[in-house]
Amino acid sequence: MKHFLFHTSFFAVAIFCSASLYAQNRNVQFDSVCQGLTAHAVTSGNFTQVKTSPSINRELKSSGDYIFSNEGIVWNTQRPFSSVLAITNSSIIQTLPDGSSSVIDGSNNQIFVNIAGSLSSLFSGNRTLLESNFYVKFLSTSSSWKMILTPKDSTIASALQSIVLTGKSVSEQSSLDSMLIEEVSGNSVYYAFKNQVYKEELSDAEKAFFIAK
């Protein structure tokens, strides 16, 4: 369960608004990025995922569409095969090409609860809850930013080494462009995000991803 969660549900699990920044000017810039990233209720676009594992010495690539919202996250993978994964605050719903779905209940798993709670906080702008689970180092230039997140929770830290996020911030508009998840095992997962579209609510078709069939 833990291995599965770290490869799928950590999309932005604790992406922003976590922790101790070291100078006031950085804090202002950090808050500005947070506000820009949470300015819209729904963000969608295309993703490319690259998994790397020292044990097999190869890269595994996949791609498709994503949705980030306060309802949760959707990974609509199209290549190399079709599948849909919806991650909510309490469960993971996987839908296969034949329309069948399965649900994993994470409500009794403390790791999942911490991750899902951070995810919810991300889209609601609640940095207090995120700060309880992660440290953040924030770096920036006039037009780009980088966050390095490390877990405070010892159980999460036993599997997850860090999450590195990069993006752009221009004229109060912020975007998340990439995420690198590094595990203690040496495995890593890299996401590249592009063609972002912003809106204020999910369509009926998008809401259906969060309903088990």
N, C-alpha and C. Protein backbone atom coordinates (compact mmCIF):
# COMPACT_ATOMS: atom_id res chain seq x y z
N MET A 1 0.84 -1.21 0.00
CA MET A 1 0.00 0.00 0.00
C MET A 1 0.86 1.25 0.00
N LYS A 2 1.91 1.24 0.87
CA LYS A 2 2.75 2.42 0.96
C LYS A 2 3.47 2.67 -0.35
N HIS A 3 4.03 1.62 -0.95
CA HIS A 3 4.74 1.75 -2.22
C HIS A 3 3.82 2.29 -3.30
N PHE A 4 2.60 1.79 -3.35
CA PHE A 4 1.62 2.24 -4.34
C PHE A 4 1.30 3.72 -4.17
N LEU A 5 1.12 4.14 -2.94
CA LEU A 5 0.77 5.54 -2.69
C LEU A 5 1.88 6.48 -3.12
N PHE A 6 3.12 6.11 -2.84
CA PHE A 6 4.21 7.01 -3.17
C PHE A 6 4.43 7.10 -4.67
N HIS A 7 3.95 6.15 -5.44
CA HIS A 7 4.11 6.22 -6.88
C HIS A 7 2.91 6.86 -7.55
N THR A 8 1.80 7.06 -6.85
CA THR A 8 0.62 7.56 -7.53
C THR A 8 0.03 8.80 -6.87
N SER A 9 -0.10 8.80 -5.56
CA SER A 9 -0.88 9.87 -4.95
C SER A 9 -0.05 11.04 -4.49
N PHE A 10 1.28 11.01 -4.74
CA PHE A 10 2.09 12.10 -4.26
C PHE A 10 2.17 13.24 -5.23
N PHE A 11 1.22 13.33 -6.16
CA PHE A 11 1.35 14.33 -7.21
C PHE A 11 1.73 15.68 -6.64
N ALA A 12 0.88 16.21 -5.86
CA ALA A 12 1.14 17.51 -5.33
C ALA A 12 0.81 17.51 -3.91
N VAL A 13 0.92 16.37 -3.44
CA VAL A 13 0.49 16.06 -2.13
C VAL A 13 0.75 17.16 -1.15
N ALA A 14 1.91 17.69 -1.18
CA ALA A 14 2.21 18.76 -0.27
C ALA A 14 2.86 19.84 -1.03
N ILE A 15 2.37 20.10 -2.16
CA ILE A 15 3.14 20.84 -3.12
C ILE A 15 3.54 22.21 -2.62
N PHE A 16 2.69 22.96 -2.07
CA PHE A 16 3.09 24.32 -1.78
C PHE A 16 3.06 24.59 -0.29
N CYS A 17 3.04 25.75 0.05
CA CYS A 17 2.70 26.37 1.31
C CYS A 17 3.08 25.61 2.52
N SER A 18 4.21 25.04 2.62
CA SER A 18 4.63 24.34 3.83
C SER A 18 5.65 25.07 4.60
N ALA A 19 6.29 25.58 5.03
CA ALA A 19 7.23 25.56 6.07
C ALA A 19 8.12 26.75 6.20
N SER A 20 9.21 26.56 6.92
CA SER A 20 9.97 27.68 7.39
C SER A 20 10.86 28.28 6.31
N LEU A 21 10.58 29.51 5.94
CA LEU A 21 11.43 30.24 5.00
C LEU A 21 12.32 31.18 5.81
N TYR A 22 13.44 31.54 5.20
CA TYR A 22 14.49 32.11 6.03
C TYR A 22 14.61 33.63 5.99
N ALA A 23 13.96 34.28 5.03
CA ALA A 23 14.04 35.74 4.96
C ALA A 23 12.70 36.29 4.55
N GLN A 24 12.41 37.48 5.01
CA GLN A 24 11.09 38.06 4.77
C GLN A 24 10.81 38.22 3.27
N ASN A 25 11.80 38.63 2.48
CA ASN A 25 11.55 38.83 1.05
C ASN A 25 11.20 37.50 0.38
N ARG A 26 11.83 36.42 0.81
CA ARG A 26 11.49 35.12 0.27
C ARG A 26 10.09 34.71 0.71
N ASN A 27 9.75 35.03 1.93
CA ASN A 27 8.44 34.66 2.44
C ASN A 27 7.34 35.31 1.63
N VAL A 28 7.53 36.58 1.26
CA VAL A 28 6.56 37.29 0.44
C VAL A 28 6.45 36.61 -0.92
N GLN A 29 7.56 36.27 -1.52
CA GLN A 29 7.55 35.64 -2.82
C GLN A 29 6.94 34.24 -2.74
N PHE A 30 7.24 33.54 -1.69
CA PHE A 30 6.67 32.21 -1.47
C PHE A 30 5.15 32.30 -1.39
N ASP A 31 4.65 33.24 -0.60
CA ASP A 31 3.21 33.41 -0.47
C ASP A 31 2.58 33.79 -1.80
N SER A 32 3.28 34.61 -2.58
CA SER A 32 2.76 35.01 -3.88
C SER A 32 2.61 33.81 -4.81
N VAL A 33 3.59 32.91 -4.79
CA VAL A 33 3.50 31.70 -5.60
C VAL A 33 2.34 30.83 -5.13
N CYS A 34 2.20 30.68 -3.82
CA CYS A 34 1.09 29.90 -3.27
C CYS A 34 -0.25 30.45 -3.72
N GLN A 35 -0.39 31.75 -3.65
CA GLN A 35 -1.65 32.38 -4.05
C GLN A 35 -1.92 32.17 -5.53
N GLY A 36 -0.87 32.26 -6.33
CA GLY A 36 -1.05 32.06 -7.76
C GLY A 36 -1.44 30.63 -8.10
N LEU A 37 -0.84 29.66 -7.39
CA LEU A 37 -1.12 28.26 -7.67
C LEU A 37 -2.51 27.83 -7.21
N THR A 38 -3.06 28.52 -6.22
CA THR A 38 -4.38 28.17 -5.70
C THR A 38 -5.45 29.16 -6.14
N ALA A 39 -5.13 29.98 -7.14
CA ALA A 39 -6.07 31.03 -7.57
C ALA A 39 -7.31 30.46 -8.24
N HIS A 40 -7.19 29.27 -8.84
CA HIS A 40 -8.32 28.67 -9.54
C HIS A 40 -8.67 27.32 -8.92
N ALA A 41 -9.94 26.99 -8.94
CA ALA A 41 -10.40 25.76 -8.30
C ALA A 41 -9.96 24.51 -9.05
N VAL A 42 -9.77 24.64 -10.36
CA VAL A 42 -9.43 23.47 -11.18
C VAL A 42 -8.28 23.82 -12.13
N THR A 43 -7.28 22.96 -12.16
CA THR A 43 -6.20 23.06 -13.13
C THR A 43 -6.11 21.74 -13.88
N SER A 44 -6.06 21.80 -15.19
CA SER A 44 -5.92 20.58 -15.99
C SER A 44 -4.85 20.79 -17.05
N GLY A 45 -4.41 19.69 -17.64
CA GLY A 45 -3.38 19.79 -18.67
C GLY A 45 -2.86 18.42 -19.04
N ASN A 46 -1.67 18.39 -19.62
CA ASN A 46 -1.03 17.14 -20.04
C ASN A 46 0.15 16.84 -19.12
N PHE A 47 0.41 15.55 -18.90
CA PHE A 47 1.56 15.18 -18.10
C PHE A 47 2.37 14.10 -18.80
N THR A 48 3.66 14.09 -18.50
CA THR A 48 4.56 13.00 -18.87
C THR A 48 5.22 12.52 -17.59
N GLN A 49 5.20 11.21 -17.37
CA GLN A 49 5.78 10.64 -16.16
C GLN A 49 6.94 9.72 -16.54
N VAL A 50 8.05 9.86 -15.82
CA VAL A 50 9.21 8.99 -16.04
C VAL A 50 9.60 8.38 -14.69
N LYS A 51 9.49 7.06 -14.57
CA LYS A 51 9.90 6.35 -13.37
C LYS A 51 11.28 5.75 -13.61
N THR A 52 12.16 5.93 -12.63
CA THR A 52 13.51 5.39 -12.71
C THR A 52 13.78 4.51 -11.50
N SER A 53 14.31 3.31 -11.74
CA SER A 53 14.62 2.38 -10.65
C SER A 53 16.00 1.79 -10.86
N PRO A 54 16.90 1.96 -9.89
CA PRO A 54 18.25 1.39 -10.02
C PRO A 54 18.23 -0.13 -10.18
N SER A 55 17.22 -0.78 -9.62
CA SER A 55 17.18 -2.24 -9.63
C SER A 55 16.96 -2.81 -11.03
N ILE A 56 16.29 -2.03 -11.91
CA ILE A 56 16.06 -2.52 -13.27
C ILE A 56 16.84 -1.73 -14.32
N ASN A 57 17.48 -0.64 -13.86
CA ASN A 57 18.36 0.15 -14.73
C ASN A 57 17.68 0.57 -16.02
N ARG A 58 16.44 1.05 -15.90
CA ARG A 58 15.75 1.55 -17.08
C ARG A 58 14.70 2.56 -16.66
N GLU A 59 14.21 3.32 -17.64
CA GLU A 59 13.16 4.30 -17.40
C GLU A 59 11.83 3.78 -17.93
N LEU A 60 10.77 3.98 -17.16
CA LEU A 60 9.42 3.62 -17.57
C LEU A 60 8.64 4.91 -17.80
N LYS A 61 8.16 5.11 -19.02
CA LYS A 61 7.51 6.37 -19.38
C LYS A 61 6.01 6.16 -19.60
N SER A 62 5.23 7.14 -19.19
CA SER A 62 3.79 7.15 -19.47
C SER A 62 3.35 8.60 -19.66
N SER A 63 2.18 8.79 -20.24
CA SER A 63 1.70 10.15 -20.49
C SER A 63 0.18 10.16 -20.58
N GLY A 64 -0.39 11.34 -20.43
CA GLY A 64 -1.84 11.48 -20.50
C GLY A 64 -2.27 12.85 -20.04
N ASP A 65 -3.46 12.93 -19.45
CA ASP A 65 -4.03 14.19 -18.97
C ASP A 65 -4.19 14.14 -17.45
N TYR A 66 -4.17 15.30 -16.83
CA TYR A 66 -4.36 15.37 -15.39
C TYR A 66 -5.39 16.42 -15.03
N ILE A 67 -5.95 16.28 -13.83
CA ILE A 67 -6.84 17.28 -13.24
C ILE A 67 -6.42 17.46 -11.79
N PHE A 68 -6.20 18.71 -11.36
CA PHE A 68 -5.97 19.02 -9.96
C PHE A 68 -7.16 19.87 -9.50
N SER A 69 -7.81 19.46 -8.44
CA SER A 69 -8.95 20.23 -7.94
C SER A 69 -9.12 19.99 -6.45
N ASN A 70 -10.03 20.74 -5.81
CA ASN A 70 -10.28 20.51 -4.40
C ASN A 70 -11.08 19.23 -4.16
N GLU A 71 -11.54 18.59 -5.23
CA GLU A 71 -12.15 17.26 -5.10
C GLU A 71 -11.08 16.17 -5.04
N GLY A 72 -9.91 16.48 -5.57
CA GLY A 72 -8.83 15.51 -5.61
C GLY A 72 -8.05 15.64 -6.90
N ILE A 73 -7.32 14.58 -7.23
CA ILE A 73 -6.46 14.55 -8.40
C ILE A 73 -6.88 13.42 -9.32
N VAL A 74 -6.82 13.66 -10.62
CA VAL A 74 -7.10 12.61 -11.61
C VAL A 74 -5.90 12.47 -12.53
N TRP A 75 -5.43 11.22 -12.67
CA TRP A 75 -4.41 10.88 -13.66
C TRP A 75 -5.11 10.06 -14.74
N ASN A 76 -5.33 10.65 -15.88
CA ASN A 76 -5.96 9.95 -17.01
C ASN A 76 -4.85 9.52 -17.98
N THR A 77 -4.27 8.36 -17.69
CA THR A 77 -3.13 7.88 -18.48
C THR A 77 -3.61 7.32 -19.82
N GLN A 78 -2.95 7.71 -20.89
CA GLN A 78 -3.32 7.26 -22.23
C GLN A 78 -2.25 6.38 -22.88
N ARG A 79 -1.00 6.57 -22.49
CA ARG A 79 0.09 5.76 -23.02
C ARG A 79 1.00 5.33 -21.88
N PRO A 80 1.54 4.10 -21.90
CA PRO A 80 1.45 3.11 -22.98
C PRO A 80 0.14 2.32 -23.01
N PHE A 81 -0.69 2.48 -21.95
CA PHE A 81 -2.02 1.87 -21.96
C PHE A 81 -2.96 2.78 -21.19
N SER A 82 -4.26 2.60 -21.39
CA SER A 82 -5.26 3.48 -20.80
C SER A 82 -5.64 3.05 -19.39
N SER A 83 -5.75 4.02 -18.49
CA SER A 83 -6.27 3.80 -17.15
C SER A 83 -6.54 5.16 -16.53
N VAL A 84 -7.43 5.19 -15.55
CA VAL A 84 -7.75 6.43 -14.86
C VAL A 84 -7.60 6.21 -13.37
N LEU A 85 -6.89 7.09 -12.71
CA LEU A 85 -6.69 7.01 -11.28
C LEU A 85 -7.18 8.31 -10.65
N ALA A 86 -8.16 8.22 -9.76
CA ALA A 86 -8.68 9.39 -9.06
C ALA A 86 -8.34 9.27 -7.58
N ILE A 87 -7.73 10.30 -7.02
CA ILE A 87 -7.29 10.28 -5.63
C ILE A 87 -8.07 11.34 -4.85
N THR A 88 -8.84 10.90 -3.86
CA THR A 88 -9.62 11.81 -3.03
C THR A 88 -9.02 11.86 -1.63
N ASN A 89 -9.68 12.55 -0.72
CA ASN A 89 -9.19 12.65 0.65
C ASN A 89 -9.24 11.33 1.40
N SER A 90 -10.04 10.38 0.93
CA SER A 90 -10.21 9.14 1.69
C SER A 90 -9.98 7.87 0.89
N SER A 91 -9.82 7.98 -0.43
CA SER A 91 -9.71 6.76 -1.22
C SER A 91 -9.01 6.98 -2.55
N ILE A 92 -8.67 5.87 -3.18
CA ILE A 92 -8.12 5.87 -4.53
C ILE A 92 -9.05 5.05 -5.40
N ILE A 93 -9.51 5.63 -6.51
CA ILE A 93 -10.42 4.95 -7.43
C ILE A 93 -9.69 4.72 -8.74
N GLN A 94 -9.57 3.46 -9.13
CA GLN A 94 -8.92 3.12 -10.39
C GLN A 94 -9.95 2.58 -11.36
N THR A 95 -10.01 3.19 -12.56
CA THR A 95 -10.96 2.78 -13.59
C THR A 95 -10.18 2.23 -14.78
N LEU A 96 -10.55 1.01 -15.22
CA LEU A 96 -9.87 0.34 -16.32
C LEU A 96 -10.57 0.64 -17.65
N PRO A 97 -9.94 0.33 -18.77
CA PRO A 97 -10.54 0.64 -20.08
C PRO A 97 -11.92 0.03 -20.29
N ASP A 98 -12.22 -1.12 -19.65
CA ASP A 98 -13.53 -1.74 -19.82
C ASP A 98 -14.62 -1.08 -18.98
N GLY A 99 -14.27 -0.03 -18.23
CA GLY A 99 -15.24 0.69 -17.42
C GLY A 99 -15.35 0.21 -15.99
N SER A 100 -14.75 -0.93 -15.67
CA SER A 100 -14.80 -1.44 -14.31
C SER A 100 -13.86 -0.61 -13.42
N SER A 101 -14.17 -0.57 -12.14
CA SER A 101 -13.36 0.23 -11.23
C SER A 101 -13.16 -0.49 -9.91
N SER A 102 -12.11 -0.12 -9.22
CA SER A 102 -11.83 -0.65 -7.90
C SER A 102 -11.49 0.50 -6.98
N VAL A 103 -11.78 0.33 -5.69
CA VAL A 103 -11.59 1.39 -4.71
C VAL A 103 -10.69 0.90 -3.59
N ILE A 104 -9.67 1.67 -3.27
CA ILE A 104 -8.82 1.40 -2.12
C ILE A 104 -9.16 2.42 -1.04
N ASP A 105 -9.62 1.93 0.11
CA ASP A 105 -9.98 2.80 1.23
C ASP A 105 -8.72 3.14 2.02
N GLY A 106 -8.39 4.42 2.09
CA GLY A 106 -7.18 4.82 2.81
C GLY A 106 -7.47 5.47 4.14
N SER A 107 -8.71 5.47 4.58
CA SER A 107 -9.09 6.22 5.78
C SER A 107 -8.43 5.68 7.05
N ASN A 108 -8.05 4.38 7.06
CA ASN A 108 -7.43 3.81 8.24
C ASN A 108 -5.91 3.71 8.11
N ASN A 109 -5.36 4.29 7.04
CA ASN A 109 -3.92 4.26 6.82
C ASN A 109 -3.36 5.65 7.10
N GLN A 110 -2.52 5.77 8.14
CA GLN A 110 -2.07 7.09 8.57
C GLN A 110 -1.24 7.79 7.51
N ILE A 111 -0.46 7.03 6.74
CA ILE A 111 0.33 7.65 5.67
C ILE A 111 -0.60 8.29 4.65
N PHE A 112 -1.62 7.54 4.24
CA PHE A 112 -2.55 8.08 3.26
C PHE A 112 -3.29 9.29 3.81
N VAL A 113 -3.70 9.23 5.09
CA VAL A 113 -4.41 10.34 5.71
C VAL A 113 -3.55 11.61 5.67
N ASN A 114 -2.25 11.47 6.00
CA ASN A 114 -1.36 12.62 5.98
C ASN A 114 -1.21 13.19 4.58
N ILE A 115 -1.04 12.28 3.62
CA ILE A 115 -0.87 12.72 2.24
C ILE A 115 -2.14 13.39 1.72
N ALA A 116 -3.28 12.73 1.93
CA ALA A 116 -4.54 13.27 1.43
C ALA A 116 -4.88 14.58 2.12
N GLY A 117 -4.57 14.69 3.40
CA GLY A 117 -4.81 15.94 4.12
C GLY A 117 -3.99 17.07 3.54
N SER A 118 -2.75 16.78 3.20
CA SER A 118 -1.88 17.78 2.59
C SER A 118 -2.41 18.18 1.22
N LEU A 119 -2.90 17.19 0.48
CA LEU A 119 -3.48 17.47 -0.84
C LEU A 119 -4.65 18.42 -0.73
N SER A 120 -5.54 18.13 0.23
CA SER A 120 -6.70 19.00 0.43
C SER A 120 -6.26 20.41 0.82
N SER A 121 -5.25 20.49 1.68
CA SER A 121 -4.76 21.79 2.11
C SER A 121 -4.16 22.58 0.97
N LEU A 122 -3.53 21.86 0.06
CA LEU A 122 -2.92 22.51 -1.10
C LEU A 122 -3.93 23.36 -1.86
N PHE A 123 -5.10 22.78 -2.12
CA PHE A 123 -6.08 23.47 -2.95
C PHE A 123 -6.98 24.41 -2.15
N SER A 124 -6.91 24.34 -0.82
CA SER A 124 -7.69 25.27 -0.02
C SER A 124 -6.82 26.40 0.54
N GLY A 125 -5.51 26.30 0.32
CA GLY A 125 -4.61 27.33 0.80
C GLY A 125 -4.32 27.24 2.29
N ASN A 126 -4.54 26.07 2.91
CA ASN A 126 -4.30 25.88 4.34
C ASN A 126 -2.85 25.44 4.56
N ARG A 127 -1.95 26.40 4.74
CA ARG A 127 -0.53 26.06 4.88
C ARG A 127 -0.21 25.49 6.24
N THR A 128 -1.08 25.74 7.25
CA THR A 128 -0.82 25.25 8.60
C THR A 128 -0.74 23.73 8.63
N LEU A 129 -1.69 23.07 7.98
CA LEU A 129 -1.68 21.62 7.96
C LEU A 129 -0.49 21.08 7.19
N LEU A 130 -0.13 21.75 6.11
CA LEU A 130 1.04 21.32 5.35
C LEU A 130 2.31 21.46 6.17
N GLU A 131 2.41 22.53 6.95
CA GLU A 131 3.59 22.76 7.76
C GLU A 131 3.76 21.69 8.82
N SER A 132 2.68 21.04 9.19
CA SER A 132 2.78 19.99 10.20
C SER A 132 3.39 18.71 9.64
N ASN A 133 3.45 18.59 8.32
CA ASN A 133 3.96 17.36 7.71
C ASN A 133 5.26 17.53 6.94
N PHE A 134 5.58 18.76 6.47
CA PHE A 134 6.73 18.94 5.59
C PHE A 134 7.54 20.18 5.93
N TYR A 135 8.85 20.10 5.67
CA TYR A 135 9.73 21.26 5.63
C TYR A 135 9.86 21.69 4.16
N VAL A 136 10.10 22.99 3.95
CA VAL A 136 10.27 23.46 2.57
C VAL A 136 11.46 24.41 2.48
N LYS A 137 12.27 24.18 1.46
CA LYS A 137 13.30 25.13 1.08
C LYS A 137 12.83 25.78 -0.21
N PHE A 138 12.79 27.10 -0.24
CA PHE A 138 12.25 27.82 -1.38
C PHE A 138 13.33 28.67 -2.04
N LEU A 139 13.50 28.51 -3.34
CA LEU A 139 14.47 29.28 -4.12
C LEU A 139 13.75 29.94 -5.29
N SER A 140 14.21 31.12 -5.72
CA SER A 140 13.51 31.78 -6.81
C SER A 140 14.40 32.78 -7.53
N THR A 141 13.99 33.09 -8.75
CA THR A 141 14.55 34.20 -9.52
C THR A 141 13.38 35.14 -9.79
N SER A 142 13.57 36.08 -10.71
CA SER A 142 12.50 37.02 -11.01
C SER A 142 11.33 36.36 -11.74
N SER A 143 11.55 35.19 -12.34
CA SER A 143 10.47 34.58 -13.13
C SER A 143 10.28 33.08 -12.88
N SER A 144 11.11 32.48 -12.03
CA SER A 144 10.96 31.05 -11.79
C SER A 144 11.13 30.75 -10.30
N TRP A 145 10.66 29.58 -9.89
CA TRP A 145 10.77 29.18 -8.50
C TRP A 145 11.03 27.68 -8.38
N LYS A 146 11.55 27.29 -7.22
CA LYS A 146 11.84 25.89 -6.93
C LYS A 146 11.58 25.63 -5.46
N MET A 147 10.90 24.54 -5.16
CA MET A 147 10.64 24.14 -3.79
C MET A 147 11.19 22.73 -3.56
N ILE A 148 11.88 22.55 -2.44
CA ILE A 148 12.36 21.24 -2.04
C ILE A 148 11.66 20.87 -0.74
N LEU A 149 10.82 19.83 -0.78
CA LEU A 149 10.06 19.42 0.37
C LEU A 149 10.65 18.16 0.97
N THR A 150 10.81 18.14 2.29
CA THR A 150 11.24 16.95 3.00
C THR A 150 10.24 16.66 4.12
N PRO A 151 9.88 15.40 4.32
CA PRO A 151 8.83 15.07 5.28
C PRO A 151 9.30 15.19 6.73
N LYS A 152 8.42 15.66 7.60
CA LYS A 152 8.68 15.68 9.03
C LYS A 152 8.31 14.34 9.67
N ASP A 153 7.24 13.74 9.19
CA ASP A 153 6.75 12.49 9.76
C ASP A 153 7.75 11.36 9.50
N SER A 154 8.16 10.66 10.56
CA SER A 154 9.19 9.63 10.42
C SER A 154 8.73 8.46 9.58
N THR A 155 7.44 8.14 9.60
CA THR A 155 6.92 7.04 8.79
C THR A 155 7.01 7.37 7.31
N ILE A 156 6.63 8.58 6.94
CA ILE A 156 6.74 9.01 5.55
C ILE A 156 8.21 9.12 5.15
N ALA A 157 9.04 9.65 6.07
CA ALA A 157 10.46 9.83 5.77
C ALA A 157 11.17 8.51 5.57
N SER A 158 10.63 7.41 6.10
CA SER A 158 11.26 6.11 5.90
C SER A 158 11.14 5.63 4.46
N ALA A 159 10.21 6.20 3.70
CA ALA A 159 10.03 5.83 2.29
C ALA A 159 10.33 6.97 1.34
N LEU A 160 10.01 8.19 1.74
CA LEU A 160 10.15 9.36 0.85
C LEU A 160 11.33 10.22 1.29
N GLN A 161 12.23 10.50 0.37
CA GLN A 161 13.37 11.35 0.67
C GLN A 161 13.03 12.82 0.45
N SER A 162 12.47 13.15 -0.70
CA SER A 162 12.15 14.55 -0.98
C SER A 162 11.21 14.66 -2.17
N ILE A 163 10.59 15.83 -2.29
CA ILE A 163 9.82 16.21 -3.47
C ILE A 163 10.38 17.55 -3.94
N VAL A 164 10.77 17.63 -5.20
CA VAL A 164 11.32 18.86 -5.76
C VAL A 164 10.35 19.37 -6.82
N LEU A 165 9.89 20.60 -6.67
CA LEU A 165 8.92 21.20 -7.57
C LEU A 165 9.50 22.44 -8.22
N THR A 166 9.22 22.63 -9.49
CA THR A 166 9.67 23.83 -10.19
C THR A 166 8.52 24.44 -10.97
N GLY A 167 8.61 25.75 -11.18
CA GLY A 167 7.57 26.42 -11.94
C GLY A 167 7.97 27.84 -12.30
N LYS A 168 7.02 28.55 -12.85
CA LYS A 168 7.24 29.94 -13.25
C LYS A 168 6.26 30.83 -12.51
N SER A 169 6.64 32.07 -12.33
CA SER A 169 5.77 33.06 -11.69
C SER A 169 6.03 34.41 -12.34
N VAL A 170 5.07 34.84 -13.16
CA VAL A 170 5.21 36.09 -13.91
C VAL A 170 3.92 36.89 -13.77
N SER A 171 4.04 38.13 -13.37
CA SER A 171 2.87 39.03 -13.25
C SER A 171 1.75 38.40 -12.43
N GLU A 172 2.12 37.86 -11.26
CA GLU A 172 1.18 37.26 -10.33
C GLU A 172 0.52 35.99 -10.85
N GLN A 173 0.99 35.49 -11.99
CA GLN A 173 0.51 34.22 -12.52
C GLN A 173 1.57 33.15 -12.27
N SER A 174 1.20 32.11 -11.53
CA SER A 174 2.15 31.06 -11.19
C SER A 174 1.73 29.74 -11.82
N SER A 175 2.72 28.94 -12.22
CA SER A 175 2.44 27.63 -12.79
C SER A 175 3.38 26.60 -12.19
N LEU A 176 2.89 25.37 -12.10
CA LEU A 176 3.72 24.24 -11.70
C LEU A 176 4.12 23.50 -12.97
N ASP A 177 5.42 23.39 -13.22
CA ASP A 177 5.90 22.83 -14.48
C ASP A 177 6.51 21.44 -14.33
N SER A 178 7.03 21.11 -13.15
CA SER A 178 7.61 19.78 -12.98
C SER A 178 7.62 19.38 -11.52
N MET A 179 7.73 18.06 -11.29
CA MET A 179 7.84 17.53 -9.94
C MET A 179 8.72 16.29 -9.98
N LEU A 180 9.65 16.21 -9.06
CA LEU A 180 10.52 15.05 -8.92
C LEU A 180 10.33 14.46 -7.54
N ILE A 181 9.90 13.20 -7.47
CA ILE A 181 9.72 12.49 -6.21
C ILE A 181 10.89 11.52 -6.06
N GLU A 182 11.66 11.67 -4.99
CA GLU A 182 12.80 10.80 -4.75
C GLU A 182 12.54 9.95 -3.52
N GLU A 183 12.61 8.63 -3.68
CA GLU A 183 12.37 7.71 -2.58
C GLU A 183 13.68 7.29 -1.93
N VAL A 184 13.60 6.86 -0.68
CA VAL A 184 14.77 6.41 0.05
C VAL A 184 15.41 5.22 -0.65
N SER A 185 14.61 4.41 -1.31
CA SER A 185 15.10 3.22 -2.01
C SER A 185 16.01 3.54 -3.19
N GLY A 186 16.00 4.80 -3.64
CA GLY A 186 16.74 5.19 -4.83
C GLY A 186 15.84 5.33 -6.05
N ASN A 187 14.60 4.83 -5.97
CA ASN A 187 13.64 5.02 -7.05
C ASN A 187 13.25 6.49 -7.14
N SER A 188 12.88 6.93 -8.32
CA SER A 188 12.41 8.30 -8.48
C SER A 188 11.30 8.34 -9.53
N VAL A 189 10.44 9.34 -9.40
CA VAL A 189 9.37 9.57 -10.37
C VAL A 189 9.41 11.05 -10.74
N TYR A 190 9.51 11.32 -12.04
CA TYR A 190 9.57 12.70 -12.54
C TYR A 190 8.31 12.99 -13.35
N TYR A 191 7.66 14.13 -13.08
CA TYR A 191 6.49 14.57 -13.83
C TYR A 191 6.81 15.88 -14.52
N ALA A 192 6.43 15.99 -15.78
CA ALA A 192 6.46 17.27 -16.49
C ALA A 192 5.03 17.64 -16.84
N PHE A 193 4.64 18.87 -16.56
CA PHE A 193 3.27 19.34 -16.79
C PHE A 193 3.28 20.45 -17.84
N LYS A 194 2.32 20.40 -18.76
CA LYS A 194 2.25 21.44 -19.79
C LYS A 194 0.80 21.63 -20.24
N ASN A 195 0.60 22.68 -21.03
CA ASN A 195 -0.73 23.01 -21.59
C ASN A 195 -1.78 23.18 -20.50
N GLN A 196 -1.41 23.90 -19.44
CA GLN A 196 -2.33 24.08 -18.33
C GLN A 196 -3.55 24.93 -18.72
N VAL A 197 -4.70 24.48 -18.23
CA VAL A 197 -5.97 25.21 -18.40
C VAL A 197 -6.56 25.40 -17.01
N TYR A 198 -7.06 26.62 -16.74
CA TYR A 198 -7.59 26.95 -15.42
C TYR A 198 -9.08 27.26 -15.51
N LYS A 199 -9.84 26.79 -14.54
CA LYS A 199 -11.26 27.12 -14.48
C LYS A 199 -11.74 27.00 -13.04
N GLU A 200 -13.02 27.30 -12.82
CA GLU A 200 -13.51 27.39 -11.44
C GLU A 200 -14.36 26.20 -10.99
N GLU A 201 -14.72 25.31 -11.89
CA GLU A 201 -15.45 24.11 -11.45
C GLU A 201 -15.25 22.96 -12.43
N LEU A 202 -15.45 21.75 -11.91
CA LEU A 202 -15.32 20.55 -12.73
C LEU A 202 -16.53 20.39 -13.63
N SER A 203 -16.32 19.83 -14.80
CA SER A 203 -17.45 19.47 -15.66
C SER A 203 -18.09 18.19 -15.12
N ASP A 204 -19.27 17.85 -15.61
CA ASP A 204 -19.94 16.62 -15.17
C ASP A 204 -19.08 15.40 -15.49
N ALA A 205 -18.43 15.41 -16.65
CA ALA A 205 -17.58 14.29 -17.03
C ALA A 205 -16.39 14.17 -16.08
N GLU A 206 -15.84 15.29 -15.65
CA GLU A 206 -14.72 15.26 -14.73
C GLU A 206 -15.15 14.81 -13.32
N LYS A 207 -16.32 15.22 -12.89
CA LYS A 207 -16.83 14.79 -11.60
C LYS A 207 -17.03 13.28 -11.55
N ALA A 208 -17.35 12.69 -12.70
CA ALA A 208 -17.62 11.26 -12.77
C ALA A 208 -16.37 10.44 -12.44
N PHE A 209 -15.19 11.01 -12.64
CA PHE A 209 -13.95 10.29 -12.30
C PHE A 209 -13.88 9.94 -10.82
N PHE A 210 -14.54 10.75 -10.00
CA PHE A 210 -14.46 10.58 -8.55
C PHE A 210 -15.57 9.68 -8.00
N ILE A 211 -16.32 9.06 -8.88
CA ILE A 211 -17.43 8.18 -8.47
C ILE A 211 -17.11 6.76 -8.90
N ALA A 212 -17.03 5.84 -7.93
CA ALA A 212 -16.77 4.43 -8.26
C ALA A 212 -17.98 3.82 -8.95
N LYS A 213 -17.74 3.07 -9.99
CA LYS A 213 -18.84 2.45 -10.77
C LYS A 213 -19.02 0.99 -10.36
